[in-house]
C-alpha atoms as a PDB file:
ATOM      1  CA  MET A   1     122.448  98.633  59.548  1.00  0.00           C
ATOM      2  CA  THR A   2     126.008  99.901  59.652  1.00  0.00           C
ATOM      3  CA  ASP A   3     127.103 102.117  56.791  1.00  0.00           C
ATOM      4  CA  TYR A   4     130.782 101.297  56.310  1.00  0.00           C
ATOM      5  CA  ALA A   5     131.406 104.204  53.945  1.00  0.00           C
ATOM      6  CA  ASP A   6     130.165 106.660  56.592  1.00  0.00           C
ATOM      7  CA  ILE A   7     132.309 105.018  59.271  1.00  0.00           C
ATOM      8  CA  SER A   8     135.360 105.115  56.987  1.00  0.00           C
ATOM      9  CA  ILE A   9     134.862 108.817  56.320  1.00  0.00           C
ATOM     10  CA  ASP A  10     134.418 109.498  60.042  1.00  0.00           C
ATOM     11  CA  ILE A  11     137.621 107.589  60.880  1.00  0.00           C
ATOM     12  CA  LEU A  12     139.530 109.439  58.161  1.00  0.00           C
ATOM     13  CA  THR A  13     138.194 112.797  59.367  1.00  0.00           C
ATOM     14  CA  ALA A  14     139.126 112.011  62.970  1.00  0.00           C
ATOM     15  CA  ALA A  15     142.636 110.940  61.942  1.00  0.00           C
ATOM     16  CA  LEU A  16     143.099 114.092  59.856  1.00  0.00           C
ATOM     17  CA  ALA A  17     141.851 116.219  62.751  1.00  0.00           C
ATOM     18  CA  VAL A  18     144.374 114.646  65.127  1.00  0.00           C
ATOM     19  CA  GLY A  19     147.159 115.171  62.580  1.00  0.00           C
ATOM     20  CA  THR A  20     146.114 118.770  62.078  1.00  0.00           C
ATOM     21  CA  GLY A  21     146.057 119.301  65.830  1.00  0.00           C
ATOM     22  CA  LEU A  22     149.576 117.917  66.228  1.00  0.00           C
ATOM     23  CA  PHE A  23     150.788 120.158  63.407  1.00  0.00           C
ATOM     24  CA  ALA A  24     149.035 123.156  64.975  1.00  0.00           C
ATOM     25  CA  TYR A  25     150.846 122.518  68.272  1.00  0.00           C
ATOM     26  CA  MET A  26     154.168 122.389  66.409  1.00  0.00           C
ATOM     27  CA  VAL A  27     153.382 125.711  64.720  1.00  0.00           C
ATOM     28  CA  ARG A  28     152.193 127.190  68.018  1.00  0.00           C
ATOM     29  CA  ASN A  29     155.589 126.507  69.586  1.00  0.00           C
ATOM     30  CA  ARG A  30     157.234 128.664  66.893  1.00  0.00           C
ATOM     31  CA  PHE A  31     155.289 131.728  68.104  1.00  0.00           C
ATOM     32  CA  ARG A  32     156.058 131.356  71.821  1.00  0.00           C
ATOM     33  CA  GLY A  33     155.986 134.797  73.432  1.00  0.00           C
ATOM     34  CA  GLY A  34     155.234 136.693  70.237  1.00  0.00           C
ATOM     35  CA  PRO A  35     152.088 138.560  69.256  1.00  0.00           C
ATOM     36  CA  PHE A  36     150.596 135.441  67.649  1.00  0.00           C
ATOM     37  CA  TRP A  37     151.046 133.267  70.747  1.00  0.00           C
ATOM     38  CA  ASN A  38     147.521 133.888  72.098  1.00  0.00           C
ATOM     39  CA  PRO A  39     145.742 133.084  68.820  1.00  0.00           C
ATOM     40  CA  TRP A  40     147.637 129.802  68.556  1.00  0.00           C
ATOM     41  CA  GLN A  41     146.727 128.995  72.156  1.00  0.00           C
ATOM     42  CA  VAL A  42     143.085 128.895  70.997  1.00  0.00           C
ATOM     43  CA  ILE A  43     143.515 127.446  67.508  1.00  0.00           C
ATOM     44  CA  ALA A  44     145.886 124.571  68.330  1.00  0.00           C
ATOM     45  CA  PRO A  45     143.480 122.516  70.513  1.00  0.00           C
ATOM     46  CA  SER A  46     140.465 123.096  68.246  1.00  0.00           C
ATOM     47  CA  PRO A  47     141.153 120.153  65.858  1.00  0.00           C
ATOM     48  CA  PHE A  48     141.128 117.820  68.862  1.00  0.00           C
ATOM     49  CA  VAL A  49     137.602 119.027  69.632  1.00  0.00           C
ATOM     50  CA  LEU A  50     136.636 118.089  66.065  1.00  0.00           C
ATOM     51  CA  ALA A  51     138.310 114.694  66.522  1.00  0.00           C
ATOM     52  CA  ALA A  52     136.235 114.162  69.677  1.00  0.00           C
ATOM     53  CA  ALA A  53     133.087 115.042  67.713  1.00  0.00           C
ATOM     54  CA  GLU A  54     134.018 112.510  65.054  1.00  0.00           C
ATOM     55  CA  ALA A  55     134.786 109.861  67.678  1.00  0.00           C
ATOM     56  CA  ASN A  56     131.326 110.488  69.111  1.00  0.00           C
ATOM     57  CA  HIS A  57     129.868 110.116  65.616  1.00  0.00           C
ATOM     58  CA  ILE A  58     131.701 106.803  65.146  1.00  0.00           C
ATOM     59  CA  TYR A  59     130.239 105.646  68.464  1.00  0.00           C
ATOM     60  CA  GLU A  60     126.794 106.652  67.208  1.00  0.00           C
ATOM     61  CA  ASP A  61     127.331 104.668  64.007  1.00  0.00           C
ATOM     62  CA  PHE A  62     128.060 101.475  65.925  1.00  0.00           C
ATOM     63  CA  ASP A  63     125.800 101.804  68.968  1.00  0.00           C
ATOM     64  CA  GLY A  64     122.917 103.765  67.529  1.00  0.00           C
ATOM     65  CA  SER A  65     122.026 107.370  67.947  1.00  0.00           C
ATOM     66  CA  THR A  66     120.714 108.663  71.250  1.00  0.00           C
ATOM     67  CA  MET A  67     119.576 112.147  72.088  1.00  0.00           C
ATOM     68  CA  LEU A  68     122.589 112.695  74.354  1.00  0.00           C
ATOM     69  CA  ALA A  69     125.061 111.521  71.689  1.00  0.00           C
ATOM     70  CA  THR A  70     123.407 113.699  69.054  1.00  0.00           C
ATOM     71  CA  TRP A  71     123.544 116.772  71.295  1.00  0.00           C
ATOM     72  CA  LEU A  72     127.137 116.044  72.280  1.00  0.00           C
ATOM     73  CA  HIS A  73     128.139 115.773  68.615  1.00  0.00           C
ATOM     74  CA  ALA A  74     126.468 119.108  67.810  1.00  0.00           C
ATOM     75  CA  ILE A  75     128.032 120.824  70.838  1.00  0.00           C
ATOM     76  CA  LEU A  76     131.525 119.550  70.002  1.00  0.00           C
ATOM     77  CA  GLU A  77     131.247 120.639  66.375  1.00  0.00           C
ATOM     78  CA  ALA A  78     129.987 124.056  67.430  1.00  0.00           C
ATOM     79  CA  GLY A  79     132.840 124.287  69.939  1.00  0.00           C
ATOM     80  CA  PHE A  80     135.352 123.533  67.183  1.00  0.00           C
ATOM     81  CA  VAL A  81     133.931 126.248  64.940  1.00  0.00           C
ATOM     82  CA  LEU A  82     133.738 128.812  67.763  1.00  0.00           C
ATOM     83  CA  MET A  83     137.314 128.101  68.887  1.00  0.00           C
ATOM     84  CA  LEU A  84     138.588 128.443  65.332  1.00  0.00           C
ATOM     85  CA  PHE A  85     136.611 131.634  64.757  1.00  0.00           C
ATOM     86  CA  TYR A  86     137.829 133.169  68.025  1.00  0.00           C
ATOM     87  CA  GLY A  87     141.439 132.217  67.227  1.00  0.00           C
ATOM     88  CA  PHE A  88     141.208 133.893  63.826  1.00  0.00           C
ATOM     89  CA  TYR A  89     139.674 136.935  65.486  1.00  0.00           C
ATOM     90  CA  LEU A  90     142.663 137.072  67.850  1.00  0.00           C
ATOM     91  CA  PHE A  91     144.944 136.841  64.802  1.00  0.00           C
ATOM     92  CA  TYR A  92     143.131 139.790  63.275  1.00  0.00           C
ATOM     93  CA  ARG A  93     143.488 141.836  66.467  1.00  0.00           C
ATOM     94  CA  ALA A  94     147.191 140.978  66.806  1.00  0.00           C
ATOM     95  CA  TRP A  95     147.836 141.805  63.163  1.00  0.00           C
ATOM     96  CA  ASP A  96     145.739 144.976  63.182  1.00  0.00           C
ATOM     97  CA  SER A  97     147.339 146.336  66.356  1.00  0.00           C
ATOM     98  CA  ALA A  98     150.765 146.573  64.703  1.00  0.00           C
ATOM     99  CA  PRO A  99     151.903 150.178  64.256  1.00  0.00           C
ATOM    100  CA  GLU A 100     151.291 151.476  60.784  1.00  0.00           C
ATOM    101  CA  GLU A 101     154.200 152.773  58.761  1.00  0.00           C
ATOM    102  CA  GLY A 102     153.859 155.041  55.831  1.00  0.00           C
ATOM    103  CA  PRO A 103     153.660 158.665  54.767  1.00  0.00           C
ATOM    104  CA  GLN A 104     152.495 161.039  57.453  1.00  0.00           C
END
């Protein structure tokens, strides 16, 4: 039986992920060549990985869950989280590497 509320939430989440990814690419272009360029190189595509995970989940809702689809969904979600975490780590390193100013 198809749960239309679950499908609606998955479609909304996928659409929001695509919108967030497009916005992240626009923000990334503002940092071209600066110290925050590398973090945005990792963070900007990560919402599209989440959108792919949600698209896989929508497929599962309509066609039924298989072991491959379940594993693919878990791998894509984990990839999204790892990409986001690594991008924030790169932000931390770029921010922390700035020379400190203050009393000496």
